Amino acid sequence: MSSHHFATLRYTALRIGLFVASFAVVWALSYVHVIPLAIGASNTVWMLLLAIVISAPLSFVLLRKQRDAMSEQIVAKVDRQRERLAANAGQEDGVQ
């Protein structure tokens, strides 16, 4: 199988993994009181938001190759669909 065959799945799994790792770091830092805790039950929400803010730029930099492979996979699928649509439109034009 081609390495690009599961590019979307690989990118998504790595992106989720990076988010989970970021959340674990944020949780550990708040547990040892390096970063302040929020008030009441909002602590989890703030930690999730902080993990998103941290993981987004990291994924942009660290997952560039996987994102490019996923993009190539999607472009190839879109091109195949356009070719099929053009072939079907040509068949319909020939019938009239």
PDB file of N, CA and C in Angstrom:
ATOM      1  N   MET A   1       0.826  -1.189   0.000  1.00  0.00           N
ATOM      2  CA  MET A   1       0.000   0.000   0.000  1.00  0.00           C
ATOM      3  C   MET A   1       0.866   1.245   0.000  1.00  0.00           C
ATOM      4  N   SER A   2       0.368   2.263  -0.598  1.00  0.00           N
ATOM      5  CA  SER A   2       1.087   3.525  -0.671  1.00  0.00           C
ATOM      6  C   SER A   2       1.092   4.213   0.690  1.00  0.00           C
ATOM      7  N   SER A   3       2.138   4.969   0.940  1.00  0.00           N
ATOM      8  CA  SER A   3       2.209   5.705   2.206  1.00  0.00           C
ATOM      9  C   SER A   3       1.184   6.831   2.244  1.00  0.00           C
ATOM     10  N   HIS A   4       0.675   7.227   1.088  1.00  0.00           N
ATOM     11  CA  HIS A   4      -0.326   8.289   1.033  1.00  0.00           C
ATOM     12  C   HIS A   4      -1.747   7.746   1.142  1.00  0.00           C
ATOM     13  N   HIS A   5      -1.885   6.422   1.216  1.00  0.00           N
ATOM     14  CA  HIS A   5      -3.216   5.824   1.217  1.00  0.00           C
ATOM     15  C   HIS A   5      -4.018   6.225   2.454  1.00  0.00           C
ATOM     16  N   PHE A   6      -3.386   6.262   3.605  1.00  0.00           N
ATOM     17  CA  PHE A   6      -4.070   6.617   4.844  1.00  0.00           C
ATOM     18  C   PHE A   6      -3.607   7.974   5.365  1.00  0.00           C
ATOM     19  N   ALA A   7      -3.316   8.887   4.477  1.00  0.00           N
ATOM     20  CA  ALA A   7      -2.745  10.178   4.872  1.00  0.00           C
ATOM     21  C   ALA A   7      -3.702  10.980   5.748  1.00  0.00           C
ATOM     22  N   THR A   8      -4.976  10.990   5.432  1.00  0.00           N
ATOM     23  CA  THR A   8      -5.945  11.751   6.221  1.00  0.00           C
ATOM     24  C   THR A   8      -6.091  11.158   7.611  1.00  0.00           C
ATOM     25  N   LEU A   9      -6.173   9.849   7.681  1.00  0.00           N
ATOM     26  CA  LEU A   9      -6.287   9.179   8.976  1.00  0.00           C
ATOM     27  C   LEU A   9      -5.029   9.409   9.819  1.00  0.00           C
ATOM     28  N   ARG A  10      -3.873   9.319   9.200  1.00  0.00           N
ATOM     29  CA  ARG A  10      -2.610   9.532   9.915  1.00  0.00           C
ATOM     30  C   ARG A  10      -2.525  10.961  10.439  1.00  0.00           C
ATOM     31  N   TYR A  11      -2.855  11.938   9.610  1.00  0.00           N
ATOM     32  CA  TYR A  11      -2.793  13.338  10.037  1.00  0.00           C
ATOM     33  C   TYR A  11      -3.765  13.595  11.187  1.00  0.00           C
ATOM     34  N   THR A  12      -4.976  13.072  11.080  1.00  0.00           N
ATOM     35  CA  THR A  12      -5.973  13.271  12.125  1.00  0.00           C
ATOM     36  C   THR A  12      -5.527  12.637  13.435  1.00  0.00           C
ATOM     37  N   ALA A  13      -4.993  11.422  13.369  1.00  0.00           N
ATOM     38  CA  ALA A  13      -4.528  10.740  14.581  1.00  0.00           C
ATOM     39  C   ALA A  13      -3.370  11.497  15.224  1.00  0.00           C
ATOM     40  N   LEU A  14      -2.445  11.991  14.417  1.00  0.00           N
ATOM     41  CA  LEU A  14      -1.320  12.752  14.958  1.00  0.00           C
ATOM     42  C   LEU A  14      -1.775  14.081  15.551  1.00  0.00           C
ATOM     43  N   ARG A  15      -2.750  14.696  14.926  1.00  0.00           N
ATOM     44  CA  ARG A  15      -3.277  15.964  15.437  1.00  0.00           C
ATOM     45  C   ARG A  15      -3.965  15.759  16.783  1.00  0.00           C
ATOM     46  N   ILE A  16      -4.745  14.689  16.893  1.00  0.00           N
ATOM     47  CA  ILE A  16      -5.395  14.376  18.170  1.00  0.00           C
ATOM     48  C   ILE A  16      -4.350  14.031  19.228  1.00  0.00           C
ATOM     49  N   GLY A  17      -3.340  13.260  18.831  1.00  0.00           N
ATOM     50  CA  GLY A  17      -2.275  12.912  19.763  1.00  0.00           C
ATOM     51  C   GLY A  17      -1.527  14.132  20.269  1.00  0.00           C
ATOM     52  N   LEU A  18      -1.291  15.079  19.390  1.00  0.00           N
ATOM     53  CA  LEU A  18      -0.613  16.314  19.789  1.00  0.00           C
ATOM     54  C   LEU A  18      -1.477  17.117  20.758  1.00  0.00           C
ATOM     55  N   PHE A  19      -2.781  17.131  20.524  1.00  0.00           N
ATOM     56  CA  PHE A  19      -3.691  17.815  21.442  1.00  0.00           C
ATOM     57  C   PHE A  19      -3.690  17.138  22.814  1.00  0.00           C
ATOM     58  N   VAL A  20      -3.743  15.810  22.822  1.00  0.00           N
ATOM     59  CA  VAL A  20      -3.744  15.077  24.096  1.00  0.00           C
ATOM     60  C   VAL A  20      -2.436  15.328  24.851  1.00  0.00           C
ATOM     61  N   ALA A  21      -1.323  15.328  24.148  1.00  0.00           N
ATOM     62  CA  ALA A  21      -0.037  15.604  24.791  1.00  0.00           C
ATOM     63  C   ALA A  21      -0.009  17.031  25.350  1.00  0.00           C
ATOM     64  N   SER A  22      -0.538  17.983  24.605  1.00  0.00           N
ATOM     65  CA  SER A  22      -0.592  19.369  25.078  1.00  0.00           C
ATOM     66  C   SER A  22      -1.482  19.481  26.319  1.00  0.00           C
ATOM     67  N   PHE A  23      -2.604  18.775  26.300  1.00  0.00           N
ATOM     68  CA  PHE A  23      -3.491  18.800  27.461  1.00  0.00           C
ATOM     69  C   PHE A  23      -2.801  18.185  28.675  1.00  0.00           C
ATOM     70  N   ALA A  24      -2.050  17.106  28.464  1.00  0.00           N
ATOM     71  CA  ALA A  24      -1.342  16.464  29.576  1.00  0.00           C
ATOM     72  C   ALA A  24      -0.306  17.415  30.171  1.00  0.00           C
ATOM     73  N   VAL A  25       0.396  18.155  29.328  1.00  0.00           N
ATOM     74  CA  VAL A  25       1.383  19.116  29.822  1.00  0.00           C
ATOM     75  C   VAL A  25       0.692  20.235  30.588  1.00  0.00           C
ATOM     76  N   VAL A  26      -0.406  20.749  30.056  1.00  0.00           N
ATOM     77  CA  VAL A  26      -1.144  21.822  30.736  1.00  0.00           C
ATOM     78  C   VAL A  26      -1.682  21.314  32.064  1.00  0.00           C
ATOM     79  N   TRP A  27      -2.216  20.111  32.079  1.00  0.00           N
ATOM     80  CA  TRP A  27      -2.744  19.543  33.316  1.00  0.00           C
ATOM     81  C   TRP A  27      -1.635  19.380  34.346  1.00  0.00           C
ATOM     82  N   ALA A  28      -0.473  18.867  33.932  1.00  0.00           N
ATOM     83  CA  ALA A  28       0.646  18.680  34.859  1.00  0.00           C
ATOM     84  C   ALA A  28       1.126  20.020  35.412  1.00  0.00           C
ATOM     85  N   LEU A  29       1.198  21.030  34.554  1.00  0.00           N
ATOM     86  CA  LEU A  29       1.631  22.354  35.017  1.00  0.00           C
ATOM     87  C   LEU A  29       0.633  22.968  35.988  1.00  0.00           C
ATOM     88  N   SER A  30      -0.650  22.743  35.763  1.00  0.00           N
ATOM     89  CA  SER A  30      -1.638  23.280  36.705  1.00  0.00           C
ATOM     90  C   SER A  30      -1.666  22.453  37.990  1.00  0.00           C
ATOM     91  N   TYR A  31      -1.349  21.180  37.898  1.00  0.00           N
ATOM     92  CA  TYR A  31      -1.335  20.308  39.081  1.00  0.00           C
ATOM     93  C   TYR A  31      -0.223  20.714  40.045  1.00  0.00           C
ATOM     94  N   VAL A  32       0.933  21.095  39.497  1.00  0.00           N
ATOM     95  CA  VAL A  32       2.054  21.524  40.352  1.00  0.00           C
ATOM     96  C   VAL A  32       2.043  23.040  40.577  1.00  0.00           C
ATOM     97  N   HIS A  33       0.967  23.695  40.170  1.00  0.00           N
ATOM     98  CA  HIS A  33       0.727  25.127  40.388  1.00  0.00           C
ATOM     99  C   HIS A  33       1.751  26.027  39.704  1.00  0.00           C
ATOM    100  N   VAL A  34       2.265  25.590  38.557  1.00  0.00           N
ATOM    101  CA  VAL A  34       3.129  26.458  37.747  1.00  0.00           C
ATOM    102  C   VAL A  34       2.265  27.475  37.006  1.00  0.00           C
ATOM    103  N   ILE A  35       1.120  27.021  36.516  1.00  0.00           N
ATOM    104  CA  ILE A  35       0.139  27.934  35.928  1.00  0.00           C
ATOM    105  C   ILE A  35      -1.044  27.989  36.882  1.00  0.00           C
ATOM    106  N   PRO A  36      -1.706  29.120  36.992  1.00  0.00           N
ATOM    107  CA  PRO A  36      -2.792  29.247  37.979  1.00  0.00           C
ATOM    108  C   PRO A  36      -4.019  28.428  37.585  1.00  0.00           C
ATOM    109  N   LEU A  37      -4.718  27.985  38.604  1.00  0.00           N
ATOM    110  CA  LEU A  37      -5.963  27.266  38.393  1.00  0.00           C
ATOM    111  C   LEU A  37      -7.097  28.256  38.223  1.00  0.00           C
ATOM    112  N   ALA A  38      -8.106  27.866  37.482  1.00  0.00           N
ATOM    113  CA  ALA A  38      -9.275  28.720  37.302  1.00  0.00           C
ATOM    114  C   ALA A  38     -10.208  28.560  38.501  1.00  0.00           C
ATOM    115  N   ILE A  39     -11.263  29.301  38.493  1.00  0.00           N
ATOM    116  CA  ILE A  39     -12.206  29.280  39.610  1.00  0.00           C
ATOM    117  C   ILE A  39     -13.211  28.153  39.403  1.00  0.00           C
ATOM    118  N   GLY A  40     -13.354  27.293  40.376  1.00  0.00           N
ATOM    119  CA  GLY A  40     -14.375  26.251  40.375  1.00  0.00           C
ATOM    120  C   GLY A  40     -14.183  25.224  39.286  1.00  0.00           C
ATOM    121  N   ALA A  41     -15.292  24.842  38.652  1.00  0.00           N
ATOM    122  CA  ALA A  41     -15.293  23.778  37.653  1.00  0.00           C
ATOM    123  C   ALA A  41     -14.796  24.257  36.294  1.00  0.00           C
ATOM    124  N   SER A  42     -14.519  25.537  36.143  1.00  0.00           N
ATOM    125  CA  SER A  42     -14.065  26.049  34.850  1.00  0.00           C
ATOM    126  C   SER A  42     -12.619  25.690  34.556  1.00  0.00           C
ATOM    127  N   ASN A  43     -11.928  25.097  35.511  1.00  0.00           N
ATOM    128  CA  ASN A  43     -10.529  24.750  35.313  1.00  0.00           C
ATOM    129  C   ASN A  43     -10.350  23.828  34.107  1.00  0.00           C
ATOM    130  N   THR A  44     -11.200  22.818  33.973  1.00  0.00           N
ATOM    131  CA  THR A  44     -11.088  21.877  32.852  1.00  0.00           C
ATOM    132  C   THR A  44     -11.302  22.582  31.518  1.00  0.00           C
ATOM    133  N   VAL A  45     -12.270  23.476  31.462  1.00  0.00           N
ATOM    134  CA  VAL A  45     -12.542  24.208  30.225  1.00  0.00           C
ATOM    135  C   VAL A  45     -11.335  25.060  29.841  1.00  0.00           C
ATOM    136  N   TRP A  46     -10.757  25.760  30.809  1.00  0.00           N
ATOM    137  CA  TRP A  46      -9.592  26.595  30.519  1.00  0.00           C
ATOM    138  C   TRP A  46      -8.396  25.761  30.111  1.00  0.00           C
ATOM    139  N   MET A  47      -8.235  24.603  30.725  1.00  0.00           N
ATOM    140  CA  MET A  47      -7.123  23.733  30.336  1.00  0.00           C
ATOM    141  C   MET A  47      -7.329  23.214  28.911  1.00  0.00           C
ATOM    142  N   LEU A  48      -8.567  22.874  28.547  1.00  0.00           N
ATOM    143  CA  LEU A  48      -8.847  22.433  27.174  1.00  0.00           C
ATOM    144  C   LEU A  48      -8.552  23.550  26.172  1.00  0.00           C
ATOM    145  N   LEU A  49      -8.989  24.760  26.490  1.00  0.00           N
ATOM    146  CA  LEU A  49      -8.743  25.890  25.592  1.00  0.00           C
ATOM    147  C   LEU A  49      -7.249  26.182  25.462  1.00  0.00           C
ATOM    148  N   LEU A  50      -6.532  26.120  26.557  1.00  0.00           N
ATOM    149  CA  LEU A  50      -5.097  26.347  26.515  1.00  0.00           C
ATOM    150  C   LEU A  50      -4.386  25.260  25.711  1.00  0.00           C
ATOM    151  N   ALA A  51      -4.842  24.021  25.848  1.00  0.00           N
ATOM    152  CA  ALA A  51      -4.262  22.922  25.070  1.00  0.00           C
ATOM    153  C   ALA A  51      -4.524  23.114  23.573  1.00  0.00           C
ATOM    154  N   ILE A  52      -5.693  23.622  23.225  1.00  0.00           N
ATOM    155  CA  ILE A  52      -5.996  23.898  21.814  1.00  0.00           C
ATOM    156  C   ILE A  52      -5.075  24.995  21.285  1.00  0.00           C
ATOM    157  N   VAL A  53      -4.910  26.054  22.077  1.00  0.00           N
ATOM    158  CA  VAL A  53      -4.060  27.174  21.659  1.00  0.00           C
ATOM    159  C   VAL A  53      -2.613  26.723  21.498  1.00  0.00           C
ATOM    160  N   ILE A  54      -2.168  25.799  22.321  1.00  0.00           N
ATOM    161  CA  ILE A  54      -0.793  25.308  22.223  1.00  0.00           C
ATOM    162  C   ILE A  54      -0.631  24.332  21.067  1.00  0.00           C
ATOM    163  N   SER A  55      -1.586  23.414  20.902  1.00  0.00           N
ATOM    164  CA  SER A  55      -1.425  22.362  19.899  1.00  0.00           C
ATOM    165  C   SER A  55      -1.615  22.851  18.465  1.00  0.00           C
ATOM    166  N   ALA A  56      -2.390  23.908  18.254  1.00  0.00           N
ATOM    167  CA  ALA A  56      -2.639  24.387  16.892  1.00  0.00           C
ATOM    168  C   ALA A  56      -1.359  24.846  16.177  1.00  0.00           C
ATOM    169  N   PRO A  57      -0.575  25.757  16.756  1.00  0.00           N
ATOM    170  CA  PRO A  57       0.654  26.147  16.043  1.00  0.00           C
ATOM    171  C   PRO A  57       1.686  25.023  15.986  1.00  0.00           C
ATOM    172  N   LEU A  58       1.710  24.179  17.019  1.00  0.00           N
ATOM    173  CA  LEU A  58       2.629  23.044  16.981  1.00  0.00           C
ATOM    174  C   LEU A  58       2.301  22.107  15.826  1.00  0.00           C
ATOM    175  N   SER A  59       1.015  21.837  15.628  1.00  0.00           N
ATOM    176  CA  SER A  59       0.631  20.949  14.528  1.00  0.00           C
ATOM    177  C   SER A  59       0.925  21.594  13.180  1.00  0.00           C
ATOM    178  N   PHE A  60       0.788  22.907  13.104  1.00  0.00           N
ATOM    179  CA  PHE A  60       1.104  23.599  11.849  1.00  0.00           C
ATOM    180  C   PHE A  60       2.564  23.410  11.465  1.00  0.00           C
ATOM    181  N   VAL A  61       3.444  23.433  12.456  1.00  0.00           N
ATOM    182  CA  VAL A  61       4.872  23.300  12.198  1.00  0.00           C
ATOM    183  C   VAL A  61       5.299  21.835  12.118  1.00  0.00           C
ATOM    184  N   LEU A  62       4.880  21.033  13.086  1.00  0.00           N
ATOM    185  CA  LEU A  62       5.375  19.665  13.203  1.00  0.00           C
ATOM    186  C   LEU A  62       4.745  18.681  12.220  1.00  0.00           C
ATOM    187  N   LEU A  63       3.526  18.955  11.783  1.00  0.00           N
ATOM    188  CA  LEU A  63       2.810  18.002  10.925  1.00  0.00           C
ATOM    189  C   LEU A  63       2.718  18.465   9.472  1.00  0.00           C
ATOM    190  N   ARG A  64       3.676  19.251   9.034  1.00  0.00           N
ATOM    191  CA  ARG A  64       3.652  19.794   7.673  1.00  0.00           C
ATOM    192  C   ARG A  64       3.675  18.681   6.618  1.00  0.00           C
ATOM    193  N   LYS A  65       4.549  17.696   6.784  1.00  0.00           N
ATOM    194  CA  LYS A  65       4.647  16.619   5.790  1.00  0.00           C
ATOM    195  C   LYS A  65       3.349  15.819   5.719  1.00  0.00           C
ATOM    196  N   GLN A  66       2.760  15.524   6.871  1.00  0.00           N
ATOM    197  CA  GLN A  66       1.516  14.760   6.882  1.00  0.00           C
ATOM    198  C   GLN A  66       0.369  15.577   6.282  1.00  0.00           C
ATOM    199  N   ARG A  67       0.353  16.879   6.534  1.00  0.00           N
ATOM    200  CA  ARG A  67      -0.692  17.741   5.970  1.00  0.00           C
ATOM    201  C   ARG A  67      -0.554  17.823   4.455  1.00  0.00           C
ATOM    202  N   ASP A  68       0.679  17.905   3.948  1.00  0.00           N
ATOM    203  CA  ASP A  68       0.902  17.936   2.506  1.00  0.00           C
ATOM    204  C   ASP A  68       0.478  16.624   1.852  1.00  0.00           C
ATOM    205  N   ALA A  69       0.782  15.497   2.507  1.00  0.00           N
ATOM    206  CA  ALA A  69       0.375  14.197   1.972  1.00  0.00           C
ATOM    207  C   ALA A  69      -1.144  14.077   1.945  1.00  0.00           C
ATOM    208  N   MET A  70      -1.802  14.570   2.996  1.00  0.00           N
ATOM    209  CA  MET A  70      -3.257  14.541   3.031  1.00  0.00           C
ATOM    210  C   MET A  70      -3.837  15.418   1.924  1.00  0.00           C
ATOM    211  N   SER A  71      -3.234  16.568   1.704  1.00  0.00           N
ATOM    212  CA  SER A  71      -3.691  17.471   0.654  1.00  0.00           C
ATOM    213  C   SER A  71      -3.570  16.823  -0.724  1.00  0.00           C
ATOM    214  N   GLU A  72      -2.457  16.140  -0.966  1.00  0.00           N
ATOM    215  CA  GLU A  72      -2.284  15.443  -2.251  1.00  0.00           C
ATOM    216  C   GLU A  72      -3.349  14.366  -2.428  1.00  0.00           C
ATOM    217  N   GLN A  73      -3.662  13.657  -1.365  1.00  0.00           N
ATOM    218  CA  GLN A  73      -4.682  12.617  -1.422  1.00  0.00           C
ATOM    219  C   GLN A  73      -6.054  13.211  -1.754  1.00  0.00           C
ATOM    220  N   ILE A  74      -6.388  14.312  -1.126  1.00  0.00           N
ATOM    221  CA  ILE A  74      -7.690  14.943  -1.364  1.00  0.00           C
ATOM    222  C   ILE A  74      -7.763  15.512  -2.768  1.00  0.00           C
ATOM    223  N   VAL A  75      -6.688  16.145  -3.232  1.00  0.00           N
ATOM    224  CA  VAL A  75      -6.674  16.711  -4.585  1.00  0.00           C
ATOM    225  C   VAL A  75      -6.841  15.606  -5.629  1.00  0.00           C
ATOM    226  N   ALA A  76      -6.192  14.468  -5.406  1.00  0.00           N
ATOM    227  CA  ALA A  76      -6.323  13.358  -6.347  1.00  0.00           C
ATOM    228  C   ALA A  76      -7.763  12.862  -6.411  1.00  0.00           C
ATOM    229  N   LYS A  77      -8.415  12.759  -5.270  1.00  0.00           N
ATOM    230  CA  LYS A  77      -9.814  12.313  -5.253  1.00  0.00           C
ATOM    231  C   LYS A  77     -10.730  13.316  -5.945  1.00  0.00           C
ATOM    232  N   VAL A  78     -10.501  14.595  -5.712  1.00  0.00           N
ATOM    233  CA  VAL A  78     -11.324  15.633  -6.338  1.00  0.00           C
ATOM    234  C   VAL A  78     -11.123  15.611  -7.856  1.00  0.00           C
ATOM    235  N   ASP A  79      -9.887  15.443  -8.300  1.00  0.00           N
ATOM    236  CA  ASP A  79      -9.615  15.373  -9.741  1.00  0.00           C
ATOM    237  C   ASP A  79     -10.313  14.186 -10.380  1.00  0.00           C
ATOM    238  N   ARG A  80     -10.299  13.037  -9.710  1.00  0.00           N
ATOM    239  CA  ARG A  80     -10.997  11.852 -10.251  1.00  0.00           C
ATOM    240  C   ARG A  80     -12.497  12.101 -10.342  1.00  0.00           C
ATOM    241  N   GLN A  81     -13.066  12.760  -9.354  1.00  0.00           N
ATOM    242  CA  GLN A  81     -14.496  13.061  -9.390  1.00  0.00           C
ATOM    243  C   GLN A  81     -14.826  14.037 -10.518  1.00  0.00           C
ATOM    244  N   ARG A  82     -13.961  15.015 -10.736  1.00  0.00           N
ATOM    245  CA  ARG A  82     -14.188  15.961 -11.833  1.00  0.00           C
ATOM    246  C   ARG A  82     -14.133  15.261 -13.185  1.00  0.00           C
ATOM    247  N   GLU A  83     -13.192  14.325 -13.343  1.00  0.00           N
ATOM    248  CA  GLU A  83     -13.098  13.574 -14.590  1.00  0.00           C
ATOM    249  C   GLU A  83     -14.355  12.739 -14.811  1.00  0.00           C
ATOM    250  N   ARG A  84     -14.846  12.098 -13.770  1.00  0.00           N
ATOM    251  CA  ARG A  84     -16.083  11.308 -13.889  1.00  0.00           C
ATOM    252  C   ARG A  84     -17.270  12.193 -14.247  1.00  0.00           C
ATOM    253  N   LEU A  85     -17.345  13.347 -13.599  1.00  0.00           N
ATOM    254  CA  LEU A  85     -18.444  14.269 -13.874  1.00  0.00           C
ATOM    255  C   LEU A  85     -18.376  14.773 -15.312  1.00  0.00           C
ATOM    256  N   ALA A  86     -17.181  15.088 -15.788  1.00  0.00           N
ATOM    257  CA  ALA A  86     -17.021  15.559 -17.169  1.00  0.00           C
ATOM    258  C   ALA A  86     -17.368  14.441 -18.162  1.00  0.00           C
ATOM    259  N   ALA A  87     -16.988  13.204 -17.841  1.00  0.00           N
ATOM    260  CA  ALA A  87     -17.317  12.082 -18.724  1.00  0.00           C
ATOM    261  C   ALA A  87     -18.823  11.871 -18.753  1.00  0.00           C
ATOM    262  N   ASN A  88     -19.475  11.971 -17.614  1.00  0.00           N
ATOM    263  CA  ASN A  88     -20.932  11.790 -17.582  1.00  0.00           C
ATOM    264  C   ASN A  88     -21.638  12.932 -18.321  1.00  0.00           C
ATOM    265  N   ALA A  89     -21.126  14.136 -18.189  1.00  0.00           N
ATOM    266  CA  ALA A  89     -21.731  15.273 -18.895  1.00  0.00           C
ATOM    267  C   ALA A  89     -21.540  15.105 -20.401  1.00  0.00           C
ATOM    268  N   GLY A  90     -20.412  14.577 -20.820  1.00  0.00           N
ATOM    269  CA  GLY A  90     -20.172  14.331 -22.248  1.00  0.00           C
ATOM    270  C   GLY A  90     -21.112  13.274 -22.798  1.00  0.00           C
ATOM    271  N   GLN A  91     -21.405  12.264 -22.013  1.00  0.00           N
ATOM    272  CA  GLN A  91     -22.340  11.221 -22.452  1.00  0.00           C
ATOM    273  C   GLN A  91     -23.742  11.798 -22.581  1.00  0.00           C
ATOM    274  N   GLU A  92     -24.139  12.657 -21.646  1.00  0.00           N
ATOM    275  CA  GLU A  92     -25.470  13.249 -21.711  1.00  0.00           C
ATOM    276  C   GLU A  92     -25.591  14.175 -22.919  1.00  0.00           C
ATOM    277  N   ASP A  93     -24.533  14.907 -23.251  1.00  0.00           N
ATOM    278  CA  ASP A  93     -24.558  15.802 -24.407  1.00  0.00           C
ATOM    279  C   ASP A  93     -24.670  15.007 -25.696  1.00  0.00           C
ATOM    280  N   GLY A  94     -24.063  13.821 -25.735  1.00  0.00           N
ATOM    281  CA  GLY A  94     -24.117  13.010 -26.932  1.00  0.00           C
ATOM    282  C   GLY A  94     -25.491  12.412 -27.180  1.00  0.00           C
ATOM    283  N   VAL A  95     -26.283  12.210 -26.139  1.00  0.00           N
ATOM    284  CA  VAL A  95     -27.610  11.601 -26.264  1.00  0.00           C
ATOM    285  C   VAL A  95     -28.592  12.592 -26.845  1.00  0.00           C
ATOM    286  N   GLN A  96     -28.483  13.841 -26.533  1.00  0.00           N
ATOM    287  CA  GLN A  96     -29.472  14.837 -26.998  1.00  0.00           C
ATOM    288  C   GLN A  96     -29.326  15.115 -28.412  1.00  0.00           C
TER     289      GLN A  96
END
